[in-house]
Amino acid sequence: MSRETTGNTDEERGSTLGDIADETHGSDENPVIAKVEEKSTDSAIAVAGHPLHAMAVHFPIALMICTLGVDLIYWWGGDPFWLRVGLWSSGGTFVAGAGAAVVGTVELLAVPGIRARAASWAHGIAGMTLVAIAGANWGLRLADPQAVLPQGLALSVVGVLTTAIAGWHGGKLIFDHGIGLMVSPKD
């Protein structure tokens, strides 16, 4: 089958690609904003227009990384002080993560534009997995503070990796899909 019979000559493909480029780059409309506006992505839970989930995720992220850090310091030095810090850090991770997860779940289920995106579900599943890991990590420390090595350290490593996965998908929602962006009409 020749190119002429399929209608896919280089010239035809070039003009088609050029037309697409003109439509997306030559216009005043931002293609990301146009895609976002197809379905509502307005936050269901916001403070002064700022999505609460985006504000709430920073504490569990920081505390999960902190928990891994103090576990490594305890492993290296053996000072029992770091057991107490790890207990509080893992507890804070769980409590703050559960709060962020509740708000995120409400956003996922209540907002059609968020619910329609696969990255939202991947982010939600990774976030819920992270809350479960953080809960197990905290529960382990409550039951037996000495169990930090090796179980607590292993849970902290898996928790940080899961944090990275959840963060990656959360970033995709913001940067690729425009979720949570406050855009003025002149942008």
Protein backbone atom coordinates (compact mmCIF):
# COMPACT_ATOMS: atom_id res chain seq x y z
CA MET A 1 0.00 0.00 0.00
CA SER A 2 1.52 3.32 -1.02
CA ARG A 3 1.45 6.55 0.92
CA GLU A 4 -0.79 8.17 -1.67
CA THR A 5 -3.49 5.53 -1.28
CA THR A 6 -3.57 5.88 2.49
CA GLY A 7 -3.70 9.65 2.46
CA ASN A 8 -0.67 9.90 4.73
CA THR A 9 1.89 11.70 2.59
CA ASP A 10 4.58 13.73 4.28
CA GLU A 11 2.97 16.89 2.97
CA GLU A 12 -0.46 15.99 4.38
CA ARG A 13 1.00 14.99 7.74
CA GLY A 14 3.03 18.19 7.92
CA SER A 15 0.02 20.40 7.31
CA THR A 16 -2.00 18.48 9.89
CA LEU A 17 0.71 18.85 12.51
CA GLY A 18 1.06 22.50 11.59
CA ASP A 19 -2.66 23.02 12.03
CA ILE A 20 -2.54 21.39 15.45
CA ALA A 21 0.41 23.55 16.45
CA ASP A 22 -1.40 26.67 15.27
CA GLU A 23 -4.50 25.69 17.24
CA THR A 24 -2.64 25.15 20.50
CA HIS A 25 0.31 27.51 20.34
CA GLY A 26 -0.93 30.24 18.06
CA SER A 27 -4.05 31.06 20.05
CA ASP A 28 -4.40 33.12 23.19
CA GLU A 29 -6.02 30.23 25.06
CA ASN A 30 -3.83 28.05 27.25
CA PRO A 31 -4.41 24.39 26.27
CA VAL A 32 -4.01 23.20 29.88
CA ILE A 33 -6.65 25.66 31.07
CA ALA A 34 -9.00 24.64 28.23
CA LYS A 35 -8.67 20.97 29.23
CA VAL A 36 -9.27 21.75 32.91
CA GLU A 37 -12.40 23.74 32.15
CA GLU A 38 -14.10 20.74 30.52
CA LYS A 39 -15.26 19.50 33.94
CA SER A 40 -15.40 21.34 37.22
CA THR A 41 -12.26 21.02 39.30
CA ASP A 42 -13.24 23.59 41.89
CA SER A 43 -12.27 22.41 45.33
CA ALA A 44 -15.04 21.05 47.52
CA ILE A 45 -13.03 21.91 50.64
CA ALA A 46 -11.11 25.17 50.42
CA VAL A 47 -10.03 28.08 52.59
CA ALA A 48 -10.19 31.44 50.80
CA GLY A 49 -10.16 29.60 47.46
CA HIS A 50 -7.11 27.48 48.34
CA PRO A 51 -7.71 23.70 48.36
CA LEU A 52 -7.29 22.36 51.90
CA HIS A 53 -5.79 19.07 50.68
CA ALA A 54 -2.89 20.89 49.03
CA MET A 55 -2.18 22.68 52.31
CA ALA A 56 -2.54 19.57 54.48
CA VAL A 57 -0.15 17.21 52.68
CA HIS A 58 3.06 19.01 53.64
CA PHE A 59 3.09 17.85 57.27
CA PRO A 60 2.76 14.11 56.62
CA ILE A 61 5.35 14.32 53.84
CA ALA A 62 7.86 16.09 56.07
CA LEU A 63 7.14 13.87 59.07
CA MET A 64 7.48 10.65 57.02
CA ILE A 65 10.91 11.76 55.83
CA CYS A 66 11.78 12.83 59.39
CA THR A 67 10.77 9.40 60.71
CA LEU A 68 13.14 7.71 58.29
CA GLY A 69 15.87 10.15 59.29
CA VAL A 70 15.54 9.51 63.01
CA ASP A 71 15.39 5.75 62.41
CA LEU A 72 18.69 5.96 60.54
CA ILE A 73 20.21 8.10 63.30
CA TYR A 74 19.05 5.58 65.92
CA TRP A 75 20.48 2.71 63.86
CA TRP A 76 23.79 4.53 63.55
CA GLY A 77 24.14 5.77 67.15
CA GLY A 78 21.78 3.74 69.33
CA ASP A 79 20.71 6.70 71.51
CA PRO A 80 17.23 5.93 72.99
CA PHE A 81 16.30 9.59 72.53
CA TRP A 82 15.77 8.84 68.83
CA LEU A 83 13.28 6.10 69.70
CA ARG A 84 11.07 8.74 71.35
CA VAL A 85 11.51 11.16 68.45
CA GLY A 86 10.59 8.38 66.01
CA LEU A 87 7.50 7.51 68.04
CA TRP A 88 6.25 11.10 67.93
CA SER A 89 7.26 11.58 64.31
CA SER A 90 5.52 8.40 63.16
CA GLY A 91 2.43 9.32 65.18
CA GLY A 92 2.38 12.78 63.64
CA THR A 93 2.77 11.25 60.19
CA PHE A 94 -0.24 9.02 60.75
CA VAL A 95 -2.51 11.68 62.28
CA ALA A 96 -1.62 14.38 59.73
CA GLY A 97 -1.74 11.86 56.88
CA ALA A 98 -5.17 10.63 57.93
CA GLY A 99 -6.43 14.22 57.97
CA ALA A 100 -5.00 14.93 54.51
CA ALA A 101 -6.43 11.63 53.26
CA VAL A 102 -9.95 12.45 54.48
CA VAL A 103 -9.88 15.83 52.74
CA GLY A 104 -8.37 14.30 49.60
CA THR A 105 -10.97 11.54 49.51
CA VAL A 106 -13.79 14.08 49.77
CA GLU A 107 -12.24 16.03 46.88
CA LEU A 108 -11.84 12.85 44.82
CA LEU A 109 -15.42 11.72 45.32
CA ALA A 110 -17.16 15.10 45.27
CA VAL A 111 -15.49 16.88 42.33
CA PRO A 112 -16.26 15.46 38.86
CA GLY A 113 -13.18 16.97 37.20
CA ILE A 114 -10.90 15.36 39.75
CA ARG A 115 -12.74 12.03 39.80
CA ALA A 116 -12.47 11.75 35.98
CA ARG A 117 -8.67 11.63 35.94
CA ALA A 118 -6.69 8.40 36.35
CA ALA A 119 -3.89 10.28 38.14
CA SER A 120 -6.40 11.21 40.85
CA TRP A 121 -7.13 7.57 41.58
CA ALA A 122 -3.44 6.63 41.51
CA HIS A 123 -2.69 9.50 43.89
CA GLY A 124 -5.56 8.49 46.18
CA ILE A 125 -4.56 4.83 46.30
CA ALA A 126 -0.92 5.72 47.00
CA GLY A 127 -2.04 8.17 49.70
CA MET A 128 -4.26 5.62 51.43
CA THR A 129 -1.46 3.06 51.26
CA LEU A 130 0.83 5.62 52.85
CA VAL A 131 -1.62 6.22 55.70
CA ALA A 132 -1.78 2.45 56.30
CA ILE A 133 2.03 2.21 56.34
CA ALA A 134 2.27 5.18 58.71
CA GLY A 135 -0.35 3.62 60.99
CA ALA A 136 1.51 0.30 61.05
CA ASN A 137 4.79 2.12 61.73
CA TRP A 138 3.30 4.06 64.64
CA GLY A 139 1.49 1.00 66.02
CA LEU A 140 4.71 -1.00 65.92
CA ARG A 141 6.49 1.67 67.96
CA LEU A 142 3.64 1.96 70.46
CA ALA A 143 3.62 -1.80 71.05
CA ASP A 144 7.39 -2.23 71.25
CA PRO A 145 9.71 0.79 71.01
CA GLN A 146 12.70 -1.52 70.43
CA ALA A 147 11.08 -2.92 67.25
CA VAL A 148 12.37 0.05 65.29
CA LEU A 149 15.20 -2.14 64.04
CA PRO A 150 14.59 -3.68 61.58
CA GLN A 151 10.77 -3.51 61.17
CA GLY A 152 10.29 0.20 61.87
CA LEU A 153 13.19 1.16 59.64
CA ALA A 154 11.80 -1.02 56.84
CA LEU A 155 8.35 0.57 57.19
CA SER A 156 9.93 4.03 57.14
CA VAL A 157 11.82 3.24 53.91
CA VAL A 158 8.67 1.85 52.27
CA GLY A 159 6.74 4.88 53.57
CA VAL A 160 9.18 7.35 52.00
CA LEU A 161 9.05 5.47 48.68
CA THR A 162 5.24 5.50 48.82
CA THR A 163 5.36 9.22 49.63
CA ALA A 164 7.38 9.76 46.46
CA ILE A 165 4.84 7.82 44.39
CA ALA A 166 1.88 9.69 45.90
CA GLY A 167 3.70 13.00 45.42
CA TRP A 168 4.50 12.18 41.80
CA HIS A 169 0.84 11.56 41.02
CA GLY A 170 -0.23 14.61 43.03
CA GLY A 171 2.23 16.69 41.01
CA LYS A 172 0.78 15.29 37.79
CA LEU A 173 -2.64 16.48 38.90
CA ILE A 174 -1.33 20.00 39.42
CA PHE A 175 1.16 20.41 36.60
CA ASP A 176 -0.37 18.21 33.88
CA HIS A 177 -4.08 18.62 34.66
CA GLY A 178 -4.19 22.02 36.37
CA ILE A 179 -6.06 20.72 39.43
CA GLY A 180 -6.14 23.27 42.24
CA LEU A 181 -4.79 26.12 40.12
CA MET A 182 -6.25 29.55 40.66
CA VAL A 183 -6.10 31.17 37.23
CA SER A 184 -7.14 34.72 36.56
CA PRO A 185 -8.95 35.46 33.26
CA LYS A 186 -5.93 37.37 31.90
CA ASP A 187 -3.64 34.33 32.24
